[in-house]
């Protein structure tokens, strides 16, 4: 079960004034009658998902594991961040696994793109291309390059058996191509936006290909859906977290929420959160800026600013009590580094004391710190936590008077870029 500790962040008695708004917004989410309600499909998806499609996903993912060395996940934004964050959080940064997962189509970087293509020349690879429209420029360019390489290696018939697309059910350029070529397809529902899509095939297929238990991931989300679908602000940790964000922004004059991890393999969770909250709330000159650090690494870079700099931020610390792996500090006869006082201690103990010491230092320095705690990181708990954040994001955005499900500002750079590139109509 996820635990939320706000004792070093905010006086929760301040939340009582929010009760009427929370009741109204919770009802609005359930009845789907607020701004952007056409994109609330994620709220019930962990229960209403296509059972037949899930079985196909699991079967096809096993086929990929059995027949390929690499799966290239080709997508950008919500089309890859959820899957990448889940895979890294659960498998680590150097997993001992027979299938390598590479994330592609999320940048125009010529260096990265060429290096990946050169690497894949010598690998037997499959592709999971993810795009509702099939025309997202970064992803479309990458997929065109990948398809050309794959067909040169395996031929068109071989490529058909190695390309798996997650796209719209019945329209769009990618769906048209899949129907023409006979690629396996999974559905990104029309009522689910990219940054809320991790419980759909967008997240499930790459996760299953990585060997993760996606059924358990969905069960964790189902548990969270049942637990947080109520307006009791004294008990609902999801909404208490959303209220913390709102209070910090409106009444405590904070402009930045700093997500804090204490494990390198959880860094991509912060990247997923930055997109979820940044793209959902950053409109009409409003909202917190979501930012992130990984301690203790970043205590040696940003630690000074967090401790003593401009008081513009509060911390949301995501803490996992029990690591999946650990190691122990050995004895050294010379003890020149002075570490024998730690001999026999495991790194989990050292990391825990670093967390406790840093928390005290920052709170004493006037930085509000909330802690979200999981007992362990597994598929069930991760699914629970992701749903927690998604529901909290909807509540938080609606409290600001913002549509959580559109992103009008994203289109402006695209129009400028297309004009400069000479695209017809721009």
Protein backbone atom coordinates (compact mmCIF):
# COMPACT_ATOMS: atom_id res chain seq x y z
CA UNK A 1 0.00 0.00 0.00
CA UNK A 2 1.19 3.50 -0.83
CA UNK A 3 1.71 5.80 2.16
CA UNK A 4 1.67 9.59 2.09
CA UNK A 5 3.41 11.57 4.85
CA UNK A 6 2.74 15.31 4.78
CA UNK A 7 3.82 16.02 8.35
CA UNK A 8 6.90 17.92 7.15
CA UNK A 9 5.14 19.67 4.33
CA UNK A 10 1.75 21.18 5.22
CA UNK A 11 -0.79 21.39 8.02
CA UNK A 12 -3.55 19.15 6.68
CA UNK A 13 -6.17 21.12 8.60
CA UNK A 14 -5.76 23.64 5.78
CA UNK A 15 -7.41 21.10 3.50
CA UNK A 16 -10.81 21.26 5.19
CA UNK A 17 -11.70 24.38 3.21
CA UNK A 18 -11.26 22.37 0.01
CA UNK A 19 -13.97 19.80 0.77
CA UNK A 20 -16.69 21.33 -1.42
CA UNK A 21 -14.33 21.62 -4.40
CA UNK A 22 -13.03 18.07 -3.97
CA UNK A 23 -16.57 16.67 -3.84
CA UNK A 24 -17.52 18.61 -6.96
CA UNK A 25 -14.42 17.61 -8.94
CA UNK A 26 -14.51 13.96 -7.88
CA UNK A 27 -18.11 13.81 -9.11
CA UNK A 28 -17.05 15.59 -12.31
CA UNK A 29 -14.34 12.98 -12.97
CA UNK A 30 -16.75 10.11 -12.38
CA UNK A 31 -19.54 11.59 -14.49
CA UNK A 32 -17.12 12.83 -17.16
CA UNK A 33 -18.68 16.23 -17.48
CA UNK A 34 -15.69 18.53 -16.94
CA UNK A 35 -13.32 20.18 -19.40
CA UNK A 36 -11.60 17.58 -21.58
CA UNK A 37 -13.97 14.83 -20.37
CA UNK A 38 -13.66 13.04 -23.72
CA UNK A 39 -10.18 11.98 -22.55
CA UNK A 40 -11.14 10.45 -19.21
CA UNK A 41 -11.08 6.90 -20.52
CA UNK A 42 -7.97 6.14 -18.44
CA UNK A 43 -9.94 6.52 -15.19
CA UNK A 44 -11.76 3.21 -15.66
CA UNK A 45 -9.41 1.54 -18.14
CA UNK A 46 -7.73 -0.74 -15.55
CA UNK A 47 -11.15 -2.37 -15.14
CA UNK A 48 -12.63 -1.92 -18.62
CA UNK A 49 -9.57 -2.91 -20.65
CA UNK A 50 -9.94 -5.24 -23.62
CA UNK A 51 -9.31 -8.68 -22.13
CA UNK A 52 -8.77 -10.35 -25.50
CA UNK A 53 -6.23 -7.71 -26.51
CA UNK A 54 -4.30 -8.19 -23.26
CA UNK A 55 -3.93 -11.90 -23.98
CA UNK A 56 -2.72 -11.07 -27.50
CA UNK A 57 -0.23 -8.58 -26.07
CA UNK A 58 1.18 -11.17 -23.70
CA UNK A 59 1.39 -13.82 -26.44
CA UNK A 60 3.02 -11.49 -28.97
CA UNK A 61 5.44 -10.14 -26.37
CA UNK A 62 6.57 -13.69 -25.65
CA UNK A 63 7.05 -14.23 -29.38
CA UNK A 64 9.32 -11.18 -29.45
CA UNK A 65 11.26 -12.47 -26.43
CA UNK A 66 11.71 -15.87 -28.06
CA UNK A 67 12.74 -14.67 -31.52
CA UNK A 68 14.59 -11.35 -31.29
CA UNK A 69 17.60 -9.81 -29.61
CA UNK A 70 16.24 -6.25 -29.45
CA UNK A 71 12.83 -4.58 -29.29
CA UNK A 72 12.90 -0.98 -30.50
CA UNK A 73 10.07 1.02 -28.94
CA UNK A 74 9.42 3.90 -31.30
CA UNK A 75 7.41 6.72 -29.73
CA UNK A 76 7.65 10.10 -28.03
CA UNK A 77 6.19 11.70 -24.88
CA UNK A 78 3.49 9.58 -23.34
CA UNK A 79 4.06 6.99 -26.05
CA UNK A 80 7.28 5.88 -24.40
CA UNK A 81 7.82 7.53 -20.99
CA UNK A 82 5.40 5.28 -19.09
CA UNK A 83 6.85 2.07 -20.49
CA UNK A 84 10.45 3.19 -20.11
CA UNK A 85 9.96 4.35 -16.53
CA UNK A 86 8.23 1.11 -15.57
CA UNK A 87 10.83 -1.13 -17.22
CA UNK A 88 13.78 0.70 -15.67
CA UNK A 89 12.13 0.91 -12.24
CA UNK A 90 11.45 -2.83 -12.17
CA UNK A 91 14.36 -4.27 -14.18
CA UNK A 92 17.11 -1.79 -13.33
CA UNK A 93 19.56 -0.03 -15.64
CA UNK A 94 21.62 -3.15 -16.43
CA UNK A 95 19.10 -5.98 -16.50
CA UNK A 96 20.26 -9.53 -17.01
CA UNK A 97 17.74 -10.21 -19.75
CA UNK A 98 17.93 -11.86 -23.15
CA UNK A 99 15.87 -9.12 -24.83
CA UNK A 100 17.27 -5.59 -25.00
CA UNK A 101 14.80 -2.70 -25.08
CA UNK A 102 15.82 0.46 -26.97
CA UNK A 103 13.70 3.62 -26.98
CA UNK A 104 13.73 5.48 -30.27
CA UNK A 105 11.69 8.07 -32.15
CA UNK A 106 11.78 10.53 -29.24
CA UNK A 107 14.33 12.98 -30.67
CA UNK A 108 15.66 14.57 -33.85
CA UNK A 109 19.22 14.06 -32.58
CA UNK A 110 21.29 12.99 -35.60
CA UNK A 111 24.02 11.51 -33.40
CA UNK A 112 21.70 9.29 -31.36
CA UNK A 113 19.63 8.26 -34.37
CA UNK A 114 22.63 7.22 -36.47
CA UNK A 115 24.28 5.37 -33.59
CA UNK A 116 21.12 3.35 -32.92
CA UNK A 117 20.69 2.50 -36.60
CA UNK A 118 24.33 1.42 -36.88
CA UNK A 119 23.95 -0.73 -33.76
CA UNK A 120 20.81 -2.40 -35.10
CA UNK A 121 22.54 -3.43 -38.33
CA UNK A 122 24.06 -6.32 -36.43
CA UNK A 123 21.05 -7.25 -34.31
CA UNK A 124 17.88 -9.21 -34.93
CA UNK A 125 15.32 -6.64 -33.93
CA UNK A 126 11.58 -6.08 -33.76
CA UNK A 127 9.75 -2.75 -33.71
CA UNK A 128 6.90 -1.50 -31.54
CA UNK A 129 5.82 1.77 -33.16
CA UNK A 130 3.43 3.86 -31.04
CA UNK A 131 1.47 6.77 -32.46
CA UNK A 132 -2.26 7.50 -32.51
CA UNK A 133 -2.00 9.45 -35.75
CA UNK A 134 1.14 8.04 -37.31
CA UNK A 135 2.28 11.55 -38.24
CA UNK A 136 4.14 12.68 -35.11
CA UNK A 137 7.30 13.90 -36.81
CA UNK A 138 10.01 12.49 -34.52
CA UNK A 139 8.35 9.08 -34.40
CA UNK A 140 7.40 9.00 -38.08
CA UNK A 141 10.95 9.78 -39.24
CA UNK A 142 12.41 7.18 -36.90
CA UNK A 143 9.90 4.53 -37.96
CA UNK A 144 10.59 5.19 -41.64
CA UNK A 145 14.31 4.68 -40.98
CA UNK A 146 13.73 1.56 -38.89
CA UNK A 147 11.36 0.01 -41.41
CA UNK A 148 13.82 0.59 -44.23
CA UNK A 149 16.61 -1.06 -42.22
CA UNK A 150 14.43 -3.97 -41.13
CA UNK A 151 13.17 -4.66 -44.65
CA UNK A 152 16.74 -4.56 -45.98
CA UNK A 153 17.72 -7.21 -43.43
CA UNK A 154 14.62 -9.43 -43.30
CA UNK A 155 12.67 -8.58 -46.43
CA UNK A 156 9.08 -7.34 -46.47
CA UNK A 157 7.66 -10.66 -45.30
CA UNK A 158 10.13 -10.87 -42.44
CA UNK A 159 9.43 -7.27 -41.46
CA UNK A 160 5.69 -7.98 -41.26
CA UNK A 161 6.40 -10.53 -38.55
CA UNK A 162 8.60 -8.09 -36.62
CA UNK A 163 6.51 -4.90 -36.57
CA UNK A 164 3.89 -4.33 -33.87
CA UNK A 165 1.95 -1.07 -33.92
CA UNK A 166 -0.05 0.66 -31.19
CA UNK A 167 -2.32 3.20 -32.81
CA UNK A 168 -5.89 4.38 -33.32
CA UNK A 169 -8.53 1.69 -33.72
CA UNK A 170 -9.85 2.78 -37.09
CA UNK A 171 -8.13 5.85 -38.52
CA UNK A 172 -4.85 7.64 -39.09
CA UNK A 173 -1.78 7.20 -41.26
CA UNK A 174 -0.25 4.45 -39.13
CA UNK A 175 -3.48 2.44 -39.00
CA UNK A 176 -3.77 2.72 -42.79
CA UNK A 177 -0.20 1.45 -43.22
CA UNK A 178 -0.80 -1.44 -40.80
CA UNK A 179 -3.90 -2.53 -42.68
CA UNK A 180 -2.01 -2.36 -45.97
CA UNK A 181 1.07 -4.26 -44.76
CA UNK A 182 -0.58 -6.64 -42.30
CA UNK A 183 1.26 -5.55 -39.17
CA UNK A 184 -0.04 -6.67 -35.77
CA UNK A 185 -1.88 -3.80 -34.11
CA UNK A 186 -3.05 -2.83 -30.63
CA UNK A 187 -5.37 0.03 -29.78
CA UNK A 188 -4.64 3.35 -28.15
CA UNK A 189 -8.24 4.30 -27.29
CA UNK A 190 -9.57 7.60 -28.60
CA UNK A 191 -10.60 8.63 -25.08
CA UNK A 192 -7.11 8.18 -23.60
CA UNK A 193 -4.39 10.77 -24.16
CA UNK A 194 -0.73 9.82 -24.46
CA UNK A 195 0.42 10.89 -21.01
CA UNK A 196 -2.42 8.89 -19.42
CA UNK A 197 -1.85 5.80 -21.58
CA UNK A 198 0.52 3.62 -19.55
CA UNK A 199 -2.26 1.11 -18.70
CA UNK A 200 -3.12 0.63 -22.37
CA UNK A 201 -1.11 -1.28 -24.96
CA UNK A 202 1.19 1.76 -25.11
CA UNK A 203 2.71 0.68 -21.81
CA UNK A 204 1.68 -2.97 -21.62
CA UNK A 205 3.31 -4.33 -24.77
CA UNK A 206 6.85 -3.04 -24.08
CA UNK A 207 6.50 -4.02 -20.42
CA UNK A 208 5.39 -7.55 -21.31
CA UNK A 209 8.23 -7.83 -23.82
CA UNK A 210 10.62 -6.89 -21.00
CA UNK A 211 9.31 -9.87 -19.04
CA UNK A 212 7.15 -7.93 -16.58
CA UNK A 213 3.86 -9.16 -15.14
CA UNK A 214 1.40 -6.78 -16.77
CA UNK A 215 -1.61 -8.49 -15.21
CA UNK A 216 -0.27 -7.59 -11.78
CA UNK A 217 0.46 -4.06 -12.98
CA UNK A 218 -3.21 -3.68 -13.91
CA UNK A 219 -4.31 -5.19 -10.60
CA UNK A 220 -2.36 -2.50 -8.77
CA UNK A 221 -4.15 0.15 -10.81
CA UNK A 222 -7.52 -1.52 -10.11
CA UNK A 223 -6.77 -1.40 -6.40
CA UNK A 224 -5.90 2.30 -6.60
CA UNK A 225 -9.00 3.09 -8.65
CA UNK A 226 -11.21 1.58 -5.98
CA UNK A 227 -9.29 3.17 -3.11
CA UNK A 228 -9.10 6.74 -4.42
CA UNK A 229 -12.54 7.10 -5.99
CA UNK A 230 -14.06 9.04 -3.08
CA UNK A 231 -14.13 12.61 -1.80
CA UNK A 232 -13.00 11.93 1.78
CA UNK A 233 -10.03 14.28 2.06
CA UNK A 234 -9.11 12.94 5.49
CA UNK A 235 -8.53 9.45 4.10
CA UNK A 236 -7.93 9.80 0.36
CA UNK A 237 -4.13 10.09 0.01
CA UNK A 238 -4.42 10.76 -3.72
CA UNK A 239 -6.52 13.87 -3.23
CA UNK A 240 -4.50 14.97 -0.20
CA UNK A 241 -1.44 14.99 -2.43
CA UNK A 242 -3.34 17.03 -5.06
CA UNK A 243 -4.42 19.48 -2.37
CA UNK A 244 -0.83 19.81 -1.18
CA UNK A 245 0.21 20.88 -4.66
CA UNK A 246 -2.62 23.39 -4.88
CA UNK A 247 -1.96 24.81 -1.42
CA UNK A 248 1.76 25.14 -2.05
CA UNK A 249 1.12 26.98 -5.31
CA UNK A 250 -1.72 29.28 -4.28
CA UNK A 251 -1.04 29.99 -0.62
CA UNK A 252 2.58 29.10 0.13
CA UNK A 253 3.94 30.91 -2.93
CA UNK A 254 5.86 27.94 -4.32
CA UNK A 255 6.46 27.74 -8.03
CA UNK A 256 8.38 24.44 -8.31
CA UNK A 257 7.61 20.91 -7.20
CA UNK A 258 10.85 18.93 -6.98
CA UNK A 259 10.44 15.17 -7.39
CA UNK A 260 13.13 13.35 -5.46
CA UNK A 261 14.34 9.79 -6.02
CA UNK A 262 17.02 7.89 -4.15
CA UNK A 263 17.57 5.23 -6.84
CA UNK A 264 19.03 5.86 -10.30
CA UNK A 265 16.64 3.36 -11.85
CA UNK A 266 13.67 5.47 -10.71
CA UNK A 267 14.83 8.62 -12.53
CA UNK A 268 12.51 7.91 -15.46
CA UNK A 269 9.54 7.87 -13.07
CA UNK A 270 10.32 11.53 -12.47
CA UNK A 271 10.51 12.11 -16.22
CA UNK A 272 7.06 10.55 -16.60
CA UNK A 273 5.73 12.74 -13.78
CA UNK A 274 7.22 15.87 -15.33
CA UNK A 275 5.33 15.23 -18.54
CA UNK A 276 2.13 14.21 -16.75
CA UNK A 277 1.90 17.34 -14.61
CA UNK A 278 3.73 19.77 -16.88
CA UNK A 279 1.65 19.04 -19.97
CA UNK A 280 -1.60 18.68 -18.02
CA UNK A 281 -1.34 21.89 -15.98
CA UNK A 282 1.03 24.31 -17.66
CA UNK A 283 -1.59 26.53 -19.29
CA UNK A 284 -3.02 30.04 -18.95
CA UNK A 285 0.19 31.21 -17.19
CA UNK A 286 -0.59 28.93 -14.25
CA UNK A 287 0.75 25.87 -12.42
CA UNK A 288 3.81 24.54 -10.67
CA UNK A 289 6.92 23.71 -12.66
CA UNK A 290 7.62 19.99 -12.14
CA UNK A 291 11.34 19.34 -11.78
CA UNK A 292 13.39 16.44 -10.45
CA UNK A 293 16.60 15.29 -8.80
CA UNK A 294 18.14 11.98 -7.84
CA UNK A 295 19.75 11.96 -4.40
CA UNK A 296 22.37 11.57 -3.19
CA UNK A 297 23.89 12.15 -6.65
CA UNK A 298 22.34 15.59 -7.11
CA UNK A 299 23.08 16.68 -3.56
CA UNK A 300 26.56 17.25 -4.97
CA UNK A 301 25.22 19.60 -7.65
CA UNK A 302 21.86 21.13 -6.68
CA UNK A 303 21.96 20.32 -2.99
CA UNK A 304 23.31 23.75 -2.07
CA UNK A 305 20.50 25.53 -3.92
CA UNK A 306 17.80 23.32 -2.42
CA UNK A 307 19.17 23.92 1.07
CA UNK A 308 19.92 27.65 0.93
CA UNK A 309 18.77 29.07 -2.41
CA UNK A 310 15.67 30.98 -3.48
CA UNK A 311 12.75 29.46 -1.51
CA UNK A 312 10.65 28.66 -4.56
CA UNK A 313 10.25 24.89 -4.24
CA UNK A 314 8.85 22.05 -2.19
CA UNK A 315 9.88 18.41 -2.44
CA UNK A 316 7.86 15.31 -3.20
CA UNK A 317 10.08 12.39 -2.24
CA UNK A 318 9.27 8.97 -3.68
CA UNK A 319 10.78 6.45 -1.31
CA UNK A 320 10.95 2.68 -1.66
CA UNK A 321 11.78 1.13 1.70
CA UNK A 322 13.15 -2.23 0.55
CA UNK A 323 15.37 -2.42 -2.54
CA UNK A 324 15.19 -5.47 -4.78
CA UNK A 325 18.98 -5.79 -4.77
CA UNK A 326 21.66 -4.84 -2.26
CA UNK A 327 25.33 -5.18 -1.40
CA UNK A 328 27.48 -4.84 1.74
CA UNK A 329 30.41 -2.59 2.63
CA UNK A 330 33.49 -4.84 3.06
CA UNK A 331 36.34 -4.65 5.61
CA UNK A 332 39.67 -3.12 4.57
CA UNK A 333 42.75 -3.74 6.72
CA UNK A 334 44.33 -0.33 6.03
CA UNK A 335 41.07 1.63 6.34
CA UNK A 336 42.67 4.58 4.56
CA UNK A 337 39.24 5.78 3.42
CA UNK A 338 37.94 5.59 6.98
CA UNK A 339 34.98 3.45 6.05
CA UNK A 340 35.47 0.51 8.39
CA UNK A 341 32.84 2.00 10.67
CA UNK A 342 30.39 0.94 7.96
CA UNK A 343 31.75 -2.57 7.38
CA UNK A 344 29.03 -5.17 7.34
CA UNK A 345 26.38 -2.53 6.65
CA UNK A 346 24.41 -2.83 3.44
CA UNK A 347 23.89 0.04 0.99
CA UNK A 348 20.17 0.11 1.74
CA UNK A 349 21.01 1.12 5.32
CA UNK A 350 23.42 3.84 4.14
CA UNK A 351 20.89 5.14 1.60
CA UNK A 352 18.17 5.22 4.26
CA UNK A 353 20.31 7.31 6.60
CA UNK A 354 21.14 9.64 3.71
CA UNK A 355 17.40 10.07 3.14
CA UNK A 356 16.73 10.73 6.82
CA UNK A 357 19.62 13.17 7.17
CA UNK A 358 18.72 15.05 4.01
CA UNK A 359 15.06 15.25 4.96
CA UNK A 360 15.94 16.79 8.32
CA UNK A 361 18.40 19.23 6.75
CA UNK A 362 15.94 20.46 4.15
CA UNK A 363 13.03 20.75 6.56
CA UNK A 364 15.26 22.64 9.02
CA UNK A 365 16.25 24.86 6.09
CA UNK A 366 12.62 25.76 5.43
CA UNK A 367 11.91 23.43 2.51
CA UNK A 368 8.51 21.67 2.79
CA UNK A 369 8.94 17.95 2.11
CA UNK A 370 6.21 15.40 1.43
CA UNK A 371 7.03 11.70 1.28
CA UNK A 372 5.30 9.05 -0.83
CA UNK A 373 6.41 5.64 0.35
CA UNK A 374 6.17 2.16 -1.12
CA UNK A 375 7.24 -0.90 0.81
CA UNK A 376 8.85 -2.40 -2.31
CA UNK A 377 8.97 -1.79 -6.04
CA UNK A 378 7.06 -4.42 -7.96
CA UNK A 379 4.46 -4.46 -10.74
CA UNK A 380 1.50 -4.23 -8.38
CA UNK A 381 2.82 -1.28 -6.39
CA UNK A 382 3.99 0.56 -9.50
CA UNK A 383 0.57 0.20 -11.13
CA UNK A 384 -1.01 1.50 -7.93
CA UNK A 385 1.34 4.49 -7.80
CA UNK A 386 0.87 5.44 -11.45
CA UNK A 387 -2.91 5.50 -11.06
CA UNK A 388 -2.48 7.53 -7.85
CA UNK A 389 -0.56 10.20 -9.74
CA UNK A 390 -2.89 10.26 -12.74
CA UNK A 391 -6.00 10.74 -10.61
CA UNK A 392 -4.18 13.32 -8.48
CA UNK A 393 -3.19 15.18 -11.64
CA UNK A 394 -6.80 15.41 -12.81
CA UNK A 395 -7.88 16.74 -9.40
CA UNK A 396 -4.95 19.17 -9.24
CA UNK A 397 -5.58 20.59 -12.72
CA UNK A 398 -9.31 21.01 -12.16
CA UNK A 399 -8.57 22.87 -8.91
CA UNK A 400 -6.60 25.34 -11.04
CA UNK A 401 -9.50 25.68 -13.45
CA UNK A 402 -7.41 23.98 -16.15
CA UNK A 403 -8.36 21.34 -18.71
CA UNK A 404 -6.01 18.47 -17.74
CA UNK A 405 -6.21 16.72 -21.09
CA UNK A 406 -5.25 19.16 -23.82
CA UNK A 407 -1.89 20.68 -24.76
CA UNK A 408 -2.47 23.71 -26.99
CA UNK A 409 0.98 25.16 -26.35
CA UNK A 410 2.70 22.11 -27.82
CA UNK A 411 1.33 22.88 -31.28
CA UNK A 412 2.99 26.32 -31.56
CA UNK A 413 6.57 25.09 -31.96
CA UNK A 414 5.38 22.50 -34.47
CA UNK A 415 3.81 25.14 -36.71
CA UNK A 416 7.01 27.20 -36.67
CA UNK A 417 9.15 24.13 -37.32
CA UNK A 418 6.96 22.92 -40.20
CA UNK A 419 7.10 26.39 -41.77
CA UNK A 420 10.89 26.45 -41.54
CA UNK A 421 11.12 22.93 -42.95
CA UNK A 422 8.92 23.87 -45.89
CA UNK A 423 5.95 21.62 -45.13
CA UNK A 424 3.02 22.36 -47.41
CA UNK A 425 0.34 24.47 -45.73
CA UNK A 426 2.68 26.02 -43.14
